[in-house]
mmCIF file of all heavy atoms, coordinates in Angstrom:
data_MODEL
# 
_entry.id   MODEL 
# 
loop_
_atom_site.group_PDB 
_atom_site.id 
_atom_site.type_symbol 
_atom_site.label_atom_id 
_atom_site.label_alt_id 
_atom_site.label_comp_id 
_atom_site.label_asym_id 
_atom_site.label_entity_id 
_atom_site.label_seq_id 
_atom_site.pdbx_PDB_ins_code 
_atom_site.Cartn_x 
_atom_site.Cartn_y 
_atom_site.Cartn_z 
_atom_site.occupancy 
_atom_site.B_iso_or_equiv 
_atom_site.pdbx_formal_charge 
_atom_site.auth_seq_id 
_atom_site.auth_comp_id 
_atom_site.auth_asym_id 
_atom_site.auth_atom_id 
_atom_site.pdbx_PDB_model_num 
ATOM 1   N N   . SER A 1 1  ? 49.831 -157.760 31.387 1.00 0.00 ? 1  SER A N   1 
ATOM 2   C CA  . SER A 1 1  ? 48.756 -157.750 32.385 1.00 0.00 ? 1  SER A CA  1 
ATOM 3   C C   . SER A 1 1  ? 49.027 -158.652 33.592 1.00 0.00 ? 1  SER A C   1 
ATOM 4   O O   . SER A 1 1  ? 48.355 -158.519 34.618 1.00 0.00 ? 1  SER A O   1 
ATOM 5   C CB  . SER A 1 1  ? 47.428 -158.146 31.733 1.00 0.00 ? 1  SER A CB  1 
ATOM 6   O OG  . SER A 1 1  ? 47.512 -159.463 31.224 1.00 0.00 ? 1  SER A OG  1 
ATOM 7   N N   . ASP A 1 2  ? 49.987 -159.556 33.493 1.00 0.00 ? 2  ASP A N   1 
ATOM 8   C CA  . ASP A 1 2  ? 50.257 -160.476 34.595 1.00 0.00 ? 2  ASP A CA  1 
ATOM 9   C C   . ASP A 1 2  ? 51.735 -160.852 34.609 1.00 0.00 ? 2  ASP A C   1 
ATOM 10  O O   . ASP A 1 2  ? 52.201 -161.598 33.755 1.00 0.00 ? 2  ASP A O   1 
ATOM 11  C CB  . ASP A 1 2  ? 49.394 -161.735 34.475 1.00 0.00 ? 2  ASP A CB  1 
ATOM 12  C CG  . ASP A 1 2  ? 49.452 -162.635 35.709 1.00 0.00 ? 2  ASP A CG  1 
ATOM 13  O OD1 . ASP A 1 2  ? 50.372 -162.452 36.553 1.00 0.00 ? 2  ASP A OD1 1 
ATOM 14  O OD2 . ASP A 1 2  ? 48.568 -163.491 35.834 1.00 0.00 ? 2  ASP A OD2 1 
ATOM 15  N N   . SER A 1 3  ? 52.465 -160.340 35.570 1.00 0.00 ? 3  SER A N   1 
ATOM 16  C CA  . SER A 1 3  ? 53.905 -160.510 35.611 1.00 0.00 ? 3  SER A CA  1 
ATOM 17  C C   . SER A 1 3  ? 54.331 -161.972 35.890 1.00 0.00 ? 3  SER A C   1 
ATOM 18  O O   . SER A 1 3  ? 55.523 -162.271 35.809 1.00 0.00 ? 3  SER A O   1 
ATOM 19  C CB  . SER A 1 3  ? 54.532 -159.596 36.653 1.00 0.00 ? 3  SER A CB  1 
ATOM 20  O OG  . SER A 1 3  ? 54.061 -159.949 37.941 1.00 0.00 ? 3  SER A OG  1 
ATOM 21  N N   . LYS A 1 4  ? 53.391 -162.879 36.150 1.00 0.00 ? 4  LYS A N   1 
ATOM 22  C CA  . LYS A 1 4  ? 53.747 -164.288 36.337 1.00 0.00 ? 4  LYS A CA  1 
ATOM 23  C C   . LYS A 1 4  ? 54.053 -164.952 34.992 1.00 0.00 ? 4  LYS A C   1 
ATOM 24  O O   . LYS A 1 4  ? 54.581 -166.043 34.955 1.00 0.00 ? 4  LYS A O   1 
ATOM 25  C CB  . LYS A 1 4  ? 52.601 -165.075 36.996 1.00 0.00 ? 4  LYS A CB  1 
ATOM 26  C CG  . LYS A 1 4  ? 52.364 -164.698 38.451 1.00 0.00 ? 4  LYS A CG  1 
ATOM 27  C CD  . LYS A 1 4  ? 51.351 -165.616 39.081 1.00 0.00 ? 4  LYS A CD  1 
ATOM 28  C CE  . LYS A 1 4  ? 50.000 -165.509 38.390 1.00 0.00 ? 4  LYS A CE  1 
ATOM 29  N NZ  . LYS A 1 4  ? 48.924 -166.216 39.047 1.00 0.00 ? 4  LYS A NZ  1 
ATOM 30  N N   . TYR A 1 5  ? 53.752 -164.280 33.899 1.00 0.00 ? 5  TYR A N   1 
ATOM 31  C CA  . TYR A 1 5  ? 53.910 -164.855 32.561 1.00 0.00 ? 5  TYR A CA  1 
ATOM 32  C C   . TYR A 1 5  ? 54.852 -164.037 31.688 1.00 0.00 ? 5  TYR A C   1 
ATOM 33  O O   . TYR A 1 5  ? 54.985 -162.827 31.870 1.00 0.00 ? 5  TYR A O   1 
ATOM 34  C CB  . TYR A 1 5  ? 52.541 -164.963 31.848 1.00 0.00 ? 5  TYR A CB  1 
ATOM 35  C CG  . TYR A 1 5  ? 51.594 -165.865 32.573 1.00 0.00 ? 5  TYR A CG  1 
ATOM 36  C CD1 . TYR A 1 5  ? 50.697 -165.354 33.520 1.00 0.00 ? 5  TYR A CD1 1 
ATOM 37  C CD2 . TYR A 1 5  ? 51.581 -167.224 32.329 1.00 0.00 ? 5  TYR A CD2 1 
ATOM 38  C CE1 . TYR A 1 5  ? 49.818 -166.188 34.202 1.00 0.00 ? 5  TYR A CE1 1 
ATOM 39  C CE2 . TYR A 1 5  ? 50.695 -168.062 33.005 1.00 0.00 ? 5  TYR A CE2 1 
ATOM 40  C CZ  . TYR A 1 5  ? 49.826 -167.535 33.940 1.00 0.00 ? 5  TYR A CZ  1 
ATOM 41  O OH  . TYR A 1 5  ? 48.966 -168.366 34.602 1.00 0.00 ? 5  TYR A OH  1 
ATOM 42  N N   . ALA A 1 6  ? 55.467 -164.695 30.744 1.00 0.00 ? 6  ALA A N   1 
ATOM 43  C CA  . ALA A 1 6  ? 56.287 -164.027 29.731 1.00 0.00 ? 6  ALA A CA  1 
ATOM 44  C C   . ALA A 1 6  ? 56.102 -164.811 28.409 1.00 0.00 ? 6  ALA A C   1 
ATOM 45  O O   . ALA A 1 6  ? 55.632 -165.958 28.429 1.00 0.00 ? 6  ALA A O   1 
ATOM 46  C CB  . ALA A 1 6  ? 57.730 -163.996 30.139 1.00 0.00 ? 6  ALA A CB  1 
ATOM 47  N N   . TYR A 1 7  ? 56.491 -164.190 27.329 1.00 0.00 ? 7  TYR A N   1 
ATOM 48  C CA  . TYR A 1 7  ? 56.362 -164.852 26.023 1.00 0.00 ? 7  TYR A CA  1 
ATOM 49  C C   . TYR A 1 7  ? 57.529 -165.819 25.820 1.00 0.00 ? 7  TYR A C   1 
ATOM 50  O O   . TYR A 1 7  ? 58.666 -165.588 26.282 1.00 0.00 ? 7  TYR A O   1 
ATOM 51  C CB  . TYR A 1 7  ? 56.363 -163.798 24.910 1.00 0.00 ? 7  TYR A CB  1 
ATOM 52  C CG  . TYR A 1 7  ? 55.055 -163.044 24.862 1.00 0.00 ? 7  TYR A CG  1 
ATOM 53  C CD1 . TYR A 1 7  ? 54.922 -161.857 25.546 1.00 0.00 ? 7  TYR A CD1 1 
ATOM 54  C CD2 . TYR A 1 7  ? 53.973 -163.544 24.133 1.00 0.00 ? 7  TYR A CD2 1 
ATOM 55  C CE1 . TYR A 1 7  ? 53.717 -161.167 25.502 1.00 0.00 ? 7  TYR A CE1 1 
ATOM 56  C CE2 . TYR A 1 7  ? 52.760 -162.864 24.091 1.00 0.00 ? 7  TYR A CE2 1 
ATOM 57  C CZ  . TYR A 1 7  ? 52.651 -161.679 24.775 1.00 0.00 ? 7  TYR A CZ  1 
ATOM 58  O OH  . TYR A 1 7  ? 51.457 -161.019 24.747 1.00 0.00 ? 7  TYR A OH  1 
ATOM 59  N N   . CYS A 1 8  ? 57.222 -166.901 25.143 1.00 0.00 ? 8  CYS A N   1 
ATOM 60  C CA  . CYS A 1 8  ? 58.236 -167.906 24.819 1.00 0.00 ? 8  CYS A CA  1 
ATOM 61  C C   . CYS A 1 8  ? 57.932 -168.511 23.447 1.00 0.00 ? 8  CYS A C   1 
ATOM 62  O O   . CYS A 1 8  ? 56.814 -168.465 22.967 1.00 0.00 ? 8  CYS A O   1 
ATOM 63  C CB  . CYS A 1 8  ? 58.315 -168.986 25.891 1.00 0.00 ? 8  CYS A CB  1 
ATOM 64  S SG  . CYS A 1 8  ? 56.809 -169.945 26.083 1.00 0.00 ? 8  CYS A SG  1 
ATOM 65  N N   . LEU A 1 9  ? 58.988 -169.062 22.827 1.00 0.00 ? 9  LEU A N   1 
ATOM 66  C CA  . LEU A 1 9  ? 58.828 -169.815 21.598 1.00 0.00 ? 9  LEU A CA  1 
ATOM 67  C C   . LEU A 1 9  ? 58.698 -171.275 21.986 1.00 0.00 ? 9  LEU A C   1 
ATOM 68  O O   . LEU A 1 9  ? 59.474 -171.787 22.767 1.00 0.00 ? 9  LEU A O   1 
ATOM 69  C CB  . LEU A 1 9  ? 60.077 -169.620 20.722 1.00 0.00 ? 9  LEU A CB  1 
ATOM 70  C CG  . LEU A 1 9  ? 60.140 -170.449 19.459 1.00 0.00 ? 9  LEU A CG  1 
ATOM 71  C CD1 . LEU A 1 9  ? 59.069 -170.007 18.464 1.00 0.00 ? 9  LEU A CD1 1 
ATOM 72  C CD2 . LEU A 1 9  ? 61.532 -170.312 18.831 1.00 0.00 ? 9  LEU A CD2 1 
ATOM 73  N N   . TYR A 1 10 ? 57.692 -171.915 21.433 1.00 0.00 ? 10 TYR A N   1 
ATOM 74  C CA  . TYR A 1 10 ? 57.360 -173.281 21.781 1.00 0.00 ? 10 TYR A CA  1 
ATOM 75  C C   . TYR A 1 10 ? 57.340 -174.116 20.494 1.00 0.00 ? 10 TYR A C   1 
ATOM 76  O O   . TYR A 1 10 ? 56.796 -173.665 19.483 1.00 0.00 ? 10 TYR A O   1 
ATOM 77  C CB  . TYR A 1 10 ? 55.977 -173.296 22.426 1.00 0.00 ? 10 TYR A CB  1 
ATOM 78  C CG  . TYR A 1 10 ? 55.355 -174.611 22.629 1.00 0.00 ? 10 TYR A CG  1 
ATOM 79  C CD1 . TYR A 1 10 ? 55.661 -175.363 23.773 1.00 0.00 ? 10 TYR A CD1 1 
ATOM 80  C CD2 . TYR A 1 10 ? 54.456 -175.137 21.731 1.00 0.00 ? 10 TYR A CD2 1 
ATOM 81  C CE1 . TYR A 1 10 ? 55.062 -176.602 23.989 1.00 0.00 ? 10 TYR A CE1 1 
ATOM 82  C CE2 . TYR A 1 10 ? 53.844 -176.375 21.913 1.00 0.00 ? 10 TYR A CE2 1 
ATOM 83  C CZ  . TYR A 1 10 ? 54.157 -177.095 23.050 1.00 0.00 ? 10 TYR A CZ  1 
ATOM 84  O OH  . TYR A 1 10 ? 53.583 -178.313 23.261 1.00 0.00 ? 10 TYR A OH  1 
ATOM 85  N N   . PHE A 1 11 ? 57.967 -175.296 20.512 1.00 0.00 ? 11 PHE A N   1 
ATOM 86  C CA  . PHE A 1 11 ? 57.861 -176.185 19.339 1.00 0.00 ? 11 PHE A CA  1 
ATOM 87  C C   . PHE A 1 11 ? 57.877 -177.656 19.783 1.00 0.00 ? 11 PHE A C   1 
ATOM 88  O O   . PHE A 1 11 ? 58.334 -177.982 20.861 1.00 0.00 ? 11 PHE A O   1 
ATOM 89  C CB  . PHE A 1 11 ? 58.936 -175.906 18.298 1.00 0.00 ? 11 PHE A CB  1 
ATOM 90  C CG  . PHE A 1 11 ? 60.349 -176.177 18.742 1.00 0.00 ? 11 PHE A CG  1 
ATOM 91  C CD1 . PHE A 1 11 ? 60.885 -177.464 18.683 1.00 0.00 ? 11 PHE A CD1 1 
ATOM 92  C CD2 . PHE A 1 11 ? 61.135 -175.150 19.210 1.00 0.00 ? 11 PHE A CD2 1 
ATOM 93  C CE1 . PHE A 1 11 ? 62.176 -177.713 19.074 1.00 0.00 ? 11 PHE A CE1 1 
ATOM 94  C CE2 . PHE A 1 11 ? 62.454 -175.406 19.636 1.00 0.00 ? 11 PHE A CE2 1 
ATOM 95  C CZ  . PHE A 1 11 ? 62.967 -176.680 19.549 1.00 0.00 ? 11 PHE A CZ  1 
ATOM 96  N N   . LEU A 1 12 ? 57.332 -178.487 18.902 1.00 0.00 ? 12 LEU A N   1 
ATOM 97  C CA  . LEU A 1 12 ? 57.356 -179.926 19.101 1.00 0.00 ? 12 LEU A CA  1 
ATOM 98  C C   . LEU A 1 12 ? 58.373 -180.526 18.138 1.00 0.00 ? 12 LEU A C   1 
ATOM 99  O O   . LEU A 1 12 ? 58.450 -180.129 16.994 1.00 0.00 ? 12 LEU A O   1 
ATOM 100 C CB  . LEU A 1 12 ? 55.979 -180.524 18.782 1.00 0.00 ? 12 LEU A CB  1 
ATOM 101 C CG  . LEU A 1 12 ? 54.830 -180.063 19.657 1.00 0.00 ? 12 LEU A CG  1 
ATOM 102 C CD1 . LEU A 1 12 ? 53.513 -180.495 19.061 1.00 0.00 ? 12 LEU A CD1 1 
ATOM 103 C CD2 . LEU A 1 12 ? 54.986 -180.610 21.044 1.00 0.00 ? 12 LEU A CD2 1 
ATOM 104 N N   . SER A 1 13 ? 59.122 -181.513 18.601 1.00 0.00 ? 13 SER A N   1 
ATOM 105 C CA  . SER A 1 13 ? 60.173 -182.075 17.731 1.00 0.00 ? 13 SER A CA  1 
ATOM 106 C C   . SER A 1 13 ? 59.554 -183.005 16.666 1.00 0.00 ? 13 SER A C   1 
ATOM 107 O O   . SER A 1 13 ? 60.143 -183.197 15.610 1.00 0.00 ? 13 SER A O   1 
ATOM 108 C CB  . SER A 1 13 ? 61.214 -182.829 18.526 1.00 0.00 ? 13 SER A CB  1 
ATOM 109 O OG  . SER A 1 13 ? 60.669 -183.962 19.151 1.00 0.00 ? 13 SER A OG  1 
ATOM 110 N N   . LYS A 1 14 ? 58.412 -183.619 16.921 1.00 0.00 ? 14 LYS A N   1 
ATOM 111 C CA  . LYS A 1 14 ? 57.785 -184.546 15.972 1.00 0.00 ? 14 LYS A CA  1 
ATOM 112 C C   . LYS A 1 14 ? 57.033 -183.881 14.829 1.00 0.00 ? 14 LYS A C   1 
ATOM 113 O O   . LYS A 1 14 ? 56.845 -184.464 13.795 1.00 0.00 ? 14 LYS A O   1 
ATOM 114 C CB  . LYS A 1 14 ? 56.772 -185.445 16.682 1.00 0.00 ? 14 LYS A CB  1 
ATOM 115 C CG  . LYS A 1 14 ? 57.363 -186.465 17.576 1.00 0.00 ? 14 LYS A CG  1 
ATOM 116 C CD  . LYS A 1 14 ? 56.260 -187.445 17.899 1.00 0.00 ? 14 LYS A CD  1 
ATOM 117 C CE  . LYS A 1 14 ? 56.376 -187.955 19.289 1.00 0.00 ? 14 LYS A CE  1 
ATOM 118 N NZ  . LYS A 1 14 ? 55.331 -188.902 19.585 1.00 0.00 ? 14 LYS A NZ  1 
ATOM 119 N N   . TYR A 1 15 ? 56.509 -182.713 15.070 1.00 0.00 ? 15 TYR A N   1 
ATOM 120 C CA  . TYR A 1 15 ? 55.567 -182.083 14.107 1.00 0.00 ? 15 TYR A CA  1 
ATOM 121 C C   . TYR A 1 15 ? 56.099 -180.706 13.698 1.00 0.00 ? 15 TYR A C   1 
ATOM 122 O O   . TYR A 1 15 ? 56.842 -180.072 14.440 1.00 0.00 ? 15 TYR A O   1 
ATOM 123 C CB  . TYR A 1 15 ? 54.189 -181.901 14.750 1.00 0.00 ? 15 TYR A CB  1 
ATOM 124 C CG  . TYR A 1 15 ? 53.649 -183.170 15.310 1.00 0.00 ? 15 TYR A CG  1 
ATOM 125 C CD1 . TYR A 1 15 ? 53.627 -183.385 16.696 1.00 0.00 ? 15 TYR A CD1 1 
ATOM 126 C CD2 . TYR A 1 15 ? 53.164 -184.182 14.494 1.00 0.00 ? 15 TYR A CD2 1 
ATOM 127 C CE1 . TYR A 1 15 ? 53.132 -184.554 17.217 1.00 0.00 ? 15 TYR A CE1 1 
ATOM 128 C CE2 . TYR A 1 15 ? 52.679 -185.370 15.025 1.00 0.00 ? 15 TYR A CE2 1 
ATOM 129 C CZ  . TYR A 1 15 ? 52.658 -185.530 16.398 1.00 0.00 ? 15 TYR A CZ  1 
ATOM 130 O OH  . TYR A 1 15 ? 52.172 -186.699 16.917 1.00 0.00 ? 15 TYR A OH  1 
ATOM 131 N N   . GLN A 1 16 ? 55.672 -180.279 12.545 1.00 0.00 ? 16 GLN A N   1 
ATOM 132 C CA  . GLN A 1 16 ? 56.008 -178.934 12.092 1.00 0.00 ? 16 GLN A CA  1 
ATOM 133 C C   . GLN A 1 16 ? 55.047 -177.959 12.788 1.00 0.00 ? 16 GLN A C   1 
ATOM 134 O O   . GLN A 1 16 ? 54.065 -177.507 12.223 1.00 0.00 ? 16 GLN A O   1 
ATOM 135 C CB  . GLN A 1 16 ? 55.885 -178.832 10.555 1.00 0.00 ? 16 GLN A CB  1 
ATOM 136 C CG  . GLN A 1 16 ? 56.316 -177.516 9.974  1.00 0.00 ? 16 GLN A CG  1 
ATOM 137 C CD  . GLN A 1 16 ? 57.786 -177.214 10.171 1.00 0.00 ? 16 GLN A CD  1 
ATOM 138 O OE1 . GLN A 1 16 ? 58.598 -178.119 10.233 1.00 0.00 ? 16 GLN A OE1 1 
ATOM 139 N NE2 . GLN A 1 16 ? 58.146 -175.956 10.268 1.00 0.00 ? 16 GLN A NE2 1 
ATOM 140 N N   . LEU A 1 17 ? 55.324 -177.696 14.041 1.00 0.00 ? 17 LEU A N   1 
ATOM 141 C CA  . LEU A 1 17 ? 54.481 -176.816 14.839 1.00 0.00 ? 17 LEU A CA  1 
ATOM 142 C C   . LEU A 1 17 ? 55.372 -175.963 15.711 1.00 0.00 ? 17 LEU A C   1 
ATOM 143 O O   . LEU A 1 17 ? 56.168 -176.499 16.485 1.00 0.00 ? 17 LEU A O   1 
ATOM 144 C CB  . LEU A 1 17 ? 53.554 -177.644 15.742 1.00 0.00 ? 17 LEU A CB  1 
ATOM 145 C CG  . LEU A 1 17 ? 52.798 -176.860 16.805 1.00 0.00 ? 17 LEU A CG  1 
ATOM 146 C CD1 . LEU A 1 17 ? 51.755 -175.927 16.175 1.00 0.00 ? 17 LEU A CD1 1 
ATOM 147 C CD2 . LEU A 1 17 ? 52.138 -177.782 17.811 1.00 0.00 ? 17 LEU A CD2 1 
ATOM 148 N N   . GLN A 1 18 ? 55.299 -174.681 15.539 1.00 0.00 ? 18 GLN A N   1 
ATOM 149 C CA  . GLN A 1 18 ? 56.001 -173.750 16.419 1.00 0.00 ? 18 GLN A CA  1 
ATOM 150 C C   . GLN A 1 18 ? 55.155 -172.514 16.565 1.00 0.00 ? 18 GLN A C   1 
ATOM 151 O O   . GLN A 1 18 ? 54.511 -172.119 15.624 1.00 0.00 ? 18 GLN A O   1 
ATOM 152 C CB  . GLN A 1 18 ? 57.414 -173.437 15.932 1.00 0.00 ? 18 GLN A CB  1 
ATOM 153 C CG  . GLN A 1 18 ? 57.504 -172.688 14.608 1.00 0.00 ? 18 GLN A CG  1 
ATOM 154 C CD  . GLN A 1 18 ? 57.477 -173.622 13.418 1.00 0.00 ? 18 GLN A CD  1 
ATOM 155 O OE1 . GLN A 1 18 ? 57.735 -174.797 13.536 1.00 0.00 ? 18 GLN A OE1 1 
ATOM 156 N NE2 . GLN A 1 18 ? 57.170 -173.088 12.263 1.00 0.00 ? 18 GLN A NE2 1 
ATOM 157 N N   . ASN A 1 19 ? 55.172 -171.949 17.740 1.00 0.00 ? 19 ASN A N   1 
ATOM 158 C CA  . ASN A 1 19 ? 54.469 -170.698 17.926 1.00 0.00 ? 19 ASN A CA  1 
ATOM 159 C C   . ASN A 1 19 ? 55.032 -169.947 19.134 1.00 0.00 ? 19 ASN A C   1 
ATOM 160 O O   . ASN A 1 19 ? 55.738 -170.498 19.942 1.00 0.00 ? 19 ASN A O   1 
ATOM 161 C CB  . ASN A 1 19 ? 52.952 -170.883 18.067 1.00 0.00 ? 19 ASN A CB  1 
ATOM 162 C CG  . ASN A 1 19 ? 52.557 -171.590 19.342 1.00 0.00 ? 19 ASN A CG  1 
ATOM 163 O OD1 . ASN A 1 19 ? 53.386 -172.128 20.059 1.00 0.00 ? 19 ASN A OD1 1 
ATOM 164 N ND2 . ASN A 1 19 ? 51.277 -171.581 19.624 1.00 0.00 ? 19 ASN A ND2 1 
ATOM 165 N N   . VAL A 1 20 ? 54.727 -168.649 19.167 1.00 0.00 ? 20 VAL A N   1 
ATOM 166 C CA  . VAL A 1 20 ? 55.083 -167.802 20.275 1.00 0.00 ? 20 VAL A CA  1 
ATOM 167 C C   . VAL A 1 20 ? 53.841 -167.706 21.146 1.00 0.00 ? 20 VAL A C   1 
ATOM 168 O O   . VAL A 1 20 ? 52.759 -167.334 20.661 1.00 0.00 ? 20 VAL A O   1 
ATOM 169 C CB  . VAL A 1 20 ? 55.577 -166.416 19.807 1.00 0.00 ? 20 VAL A CB  1 
ATOM 170 C CG1 . VAL A 1 20 ? 55.835 -165.524 21.009 1.00 0.00 ? 20 VAL A CG1 1 
ATOM 171 C CG2 . VAL A 1 20 ? 56.837 -166.598 18.960 1.00 0.00 ? 20 VAL A CG2 1 
ATOM 172 N N   . SER A 1 21 ? 53.991 -168.053 22.392 1.00 0.00 ? 21 SER A N   1 
ATOM 173 C CA  . SER A 1 21 ? 52.838 -168.053 23.306 1.00 0.00 ? 21 SER A CA  1 
ATOM 174 C C   . SER A 1 21 ? 53.316 -167.639 24.708 1.00 0.00 ? 21 SER A C   1 
ATOM 175 O O   . SER A 1 21 ? 54.489 -167.298 24.906 1.00 0.00 ? 21 SER A O   1 
ATOM 176 C CB  . SER A 1 21 ? 52.180 -169.431 23.357 1.00 0.00 ? 21 SER A CB  1 
ATOM 177 O OG  . SER A 1 21 ? 53.123 -170.392 23.807 1.00 0.00 ? 21 SER A OG  1 
ATOM 178 N N   . MET A 1 22 ? 52.409 -167.674 25.669 1.00 0.00 ? 22 MET A N   1 
ATOM 179 C CA  . MET A 1 22 ? 52.743 -167.330 27.052 1.00 0.00 ? 22 MET A CA  1 
ATOM 180 C C   . MET A 1 22 ? 53.295 -168.566 27.773 1.00 0.00 ? 22 MET A C   1 
ATOM 181 O O   . MET A 1 22 ? 52.873 -169.675 27.544 1.00 0.00 ? 22 MET A O   1 
ATOM 182 C CB  . MET A 1 22 ? 51.491 -166.892 27.812 1.00 0.00 ? 22 MET A CB  1 
ATOM 183 C CG  . MET A 1 22 ? 51.012 -165.553 27.402 1.00 0.00 ? 22 MET A CG  1 
ATOM 184 S SD  . MET A 1 22 ? 52.150 -164.293 27.969 1.00 0.00 ? 22 MET A SD  1 
ATOM 185 C CE  . MET A 1 22 ? 51.328 -162.907 27.308 1.00 0.00 ? 22 MET A CE  1 
ATOM 186 N N   . GLY A 1 23 ? 54.237 -168.303 28.668 1.00 0.00 ? 23 GLY A N   1 
ATOM 187 C CA  . GLY A 1 23 ? 54.742 -169.324 29.545 1.00 0.00 ? 23 GLY A CA  1 
ATOM 188 C C   . GLY A 1 23 ? 54.779 -168.797 30.966 1.00 0.00 ? 23 GLY A C   1 
ATOM 189 O O   . GLY A 1 23 ? 54.979 -167.600 31.168 1.00 0.00 ? 23 GLY A O   1 
ATOM 190 N N   . ILE A 1 24 ? 54.549 -169.652 31.927 1.00 0.00 ? 24 ILE A N   1 
ATOM 191 C CA  . ILE A 1 24 ? 54.612 -169.228 33.302 1.00 0.00 ? 24 ILE A CA  1 
ATOM 192 C C   . ILE A 1 24 ? 56.085 -169.136 33.717 1.00 0.00 ? 24 ILE A C   1 
ATOM 193 O O   . ILE A 1 24 ? 56.874 -170.024 33.409 1.00 0.00 ? 24 ILE A O   1 
ATOM 194 C CB  . ILE A 1 24 ? 53.773 -170.145 34.243 1.00 0.00 ? 24 ILE A CB  1 
ATOM 195 C CG1 . ILE A 1 24 ? 53.657 -169.541 35.615 1.00 0.00 ? 24 ILE A CG1 1 
ATOM 196 C CG2 . ILE A 1 24 ? 54.355 -171.531 34.274 1.00 0.00 ? 24 ILE A CG2 1 
ATOM 197 C CD1 . ILE A 1 24 ? 52.496 -170.103 36.408 1.00 0.00 ? 24 ILE A CD1 1 
ATOM 198 N N   . ARG A 1 25 ? 56.455 -168.049 34.345 1.00 0.00 ? 25 ARG A N   1 
ATOM 199 C CA  . ARG A 1 25 ? 57.847 -167.720 34.539 1.00 0.00 ? 25 ARG A CA  1 
ATOM 200 C C   . ARG A 1 25 ? 58.561 -168.597 35.555 1.00 0.00 ? 25 ARG A C   1 
ATOM 201 O O   . ARG A 1 25 ? 59.794 -168.578 35.630 1.00 0.00 ? 25 ARG A O   1 
ATOM 202 C CB  . ARG A 1 25 ? 57.983 -166.242 34.952 1.00 0.00 ? 25 ARG A CB  1 
ATOM 203 C CG  . ARG A 1 25 ? 57.583 -165.341 33.779 1.00 0.00 ? 25 ARG A CG  1 
ATOM 204 C CD  . ARG A 1 25 ? 57.553 -163.910 34.132 1.00 0.00 ? 25 ARG A CD  1 
ATOM 205 N NE  . ARG A 1 25 ? 58.920 -163.461 34.424 1.00 0.00 ? 25 ARG A NE  1 
ATOM 206 C CZ  . ARG A 1 25 ? 59.205 -162.205 34.763 1.00 0.00 ? 25 ARG A CZ  1 
ATOM 207 N NH1 . ARG A 1 25 ? 58.252 -161.307 34.872 1.00 0.00 ? 25 ARG A NH1 1 
ATOM 208 N NH2 . ARG A 1 25 ? 60.437 -161.867 35.012 1.00 0.00 ? 25 ARG A NH2 1 
ATOM 209 N N   . ASN A 1 26 ? 57.860 -169.435 36.302 1.00 0.00 ? 26 ASN A N   1 
ATOM 210 C CA  . ASN A 1 26 ? 58.569 -170.317 37.240 1.00 0.00 ? 26 ASN A CA  1 
ATOM 211 C C   . ASN A 1 26 ? 58.987 -171.630 36.605 1.00 0.00 ? 26 ASN A C   1 
ATOM 212 O O   . ASN A 1 26 ? 59.529 -172.498 37.253 1.00 0.00 ? 26 ASN A O   1 
ATOM 213 C CB  . ASN A 1 26 ? 57.757 -170.529 38.531 1.00 0.00 ? 26 ASN A CB  1 
ATOM 214 C CG  . ASN A 1 26 ? 56.525 -171.333 38.306 1.00 0.00 ? 26 ASN A CG  1 
ATOM 215 O OD1 . ASN A 1 26 ? 56.112 -171.606 37.182 1.00 0.00 ? 26 ASN A OD1 1 
ATOM 216 N ND2 . ASN A 1 26 ? 55.869 -171.739 39.386 1.00 0.00 ? 26 ASN A ND2 1 
ATOM 217 N N   . PHE A 1 27 ? 58.721 -171.806 35.278 1.00 0.00 ? 27 PHE A N   1 
ATOM 218 C CA  . PHE A 1 27 ? 59.209 -172.973 34.558 1.00 0.00 ? 27 PHE A CA  1 
ATOM 219 C C   . PHE A 1 27 ? 60.625 -172.664 34.063 1.00 0.00 ? 27 PHE A C   1 
ATOM 220 O O   . PHE A 1 27 ? 60.932 -171.575 33.630 1.00 0.00 ? 27 PHE A O   1 
ATOM 221 C CB  . PHE A 1 27 ? 58.336 -173.269 33.337 1.00 0.00 ? 27 PHE A CB  1 
ATOM 222 C CG  . PHE A 1 27 ? 57.112 -174.105 33.646 1.00 0.00 ? 27 PHE A CG  1 
ATOM 223 C CD1 . PHE A 1 27 ? 56.428 -173.954 34.842 1.00 0.00 ? 27 PHE A CD1 1 
ATOM 224 C CD2 . PHE A 1 27 ? 56.645 -175.021 32.740 1.00 0.00 ? 27 PHE A CD2 1 
ATOM 225 C CE1 . PHE A 1 27 ? 55.297 -174.704 35.126 1.00 0.00 ? 27 PHE A CE1 1 
ATOM 226 C CE2 . PHE A 1 27 ? 55.541 -175.783 33.017 1.00 0.00 ? 27 PHE A CE2 1 
ATOM 227 C CZ  . PHE A 1 27 ? 54.862 -175.624 34.207 1.00 0.00 ? 27 PHE A CZ  1 
ATOM 228 N N   . GLY A 1 28 ? 61.484 -173.650 34.111 1.00 0.00 ? 28 GLY A N   1 
ATOM 229 C CA  . GLY A 1 28 ? 62.855 -173.503 33.621 1.00 0.00 ? 28 GLY A CA  1 
ATOM 230 C C   . GLY A 1 28 ? 62.895 -173.838 32.135 1.00 0.00 ? 28 GLY A C   1 
ATOM 231 O O   . GLY A 1 28 ? 62.865 -174.990 31.775 1.00 0.00 ? 28 GLY A O   1 
ATOM 232 N N   . MET A 1 29 ? 62.927 -172.813 31.323 1.00 0.00 ? 29 MET A N   1 
ATOM 233 C CA  . MET A 1 29 ? 62.982 -173.017 29.877 1.00 0.00 ? 29 MET A CA  1 
ATOM 234 C C   . MET A 1 29 ? 64.342 -172.554 29.352 1.00 0.00 ? 29 MET A C   1 
ATOM 235 O O   . MET A 1 29 ? 65.077 -171.839 30.027 1.00 0.00 ? 29 MET A O   1 
ATOM 236 C CB  . MET A 1 29 ? 61.875 -172.226 29.180 1.00 0.00 ? 29 MET A CB  1 
ATOM 237 C CG  . MET A 1 29 ? 60.484 -172.685 29.538 1.00 0.00 ? 29 MET A CG  1 
ATOM 238 S SD  . MET A 1 29 ? 59.278 -171.818 28.561 1.00 0.00 ? 29 MET A SD  1 
ATOM 239 C CE  . MET A 1 29 ? 57.886 -171.838 29.649 1.00 0.00 ? 29 MET A CE  1 
# 
C-alpha cells in the first residue's frame, strides 16, 4: 500500500526478540 516501506527482519542483540516488520526504505539496513 505504500512504496516508501518494505519488510525487514529486526532483532535486538540483548534480548531474544526478532520479528519481521516494516522499515522505511530510505534507511540503510
